[in-house]
Amino acid sequence: MAKSVGIRMDEDLLKKLDRISKEENLDRSTLVRKLLSRGFESFLKERAAEKYKRGEITLSKAAEEANITLWEMEEFLIESGYISKYSIKDLKQEITNL
């Protein structure tokens, strides 16, 4: 069941929302829900990526927290400029351990 939430916005932002809602042929509420959903998805990815970069969680856990696939998480990290510290030496050590 959907619930209503009231928020205050400055007049400039409301004008921008109204302009875009006309361009997209959407009512203001639908546009705000769409933008909020996109922003929330981005927030989850960014937060999970930061935790991963700090070594707090694994890559698979980051993907899970961001609600995306492992491959999408890797792509997001690469697109945001992350360079892994995982080296050939690390890979050789893992192979030796196996």
Foldseek 3Di string as FASTA:
>chain_A
DDDDDDDDDDPVVVVVLVVVCVVVVHDSVVSVVVVVVVVVLVVLLVVLLVCVVVVNDPLCVSCVSSVHHSVVSVVVCVVVPHDDPCDPVNVVVVVVVD
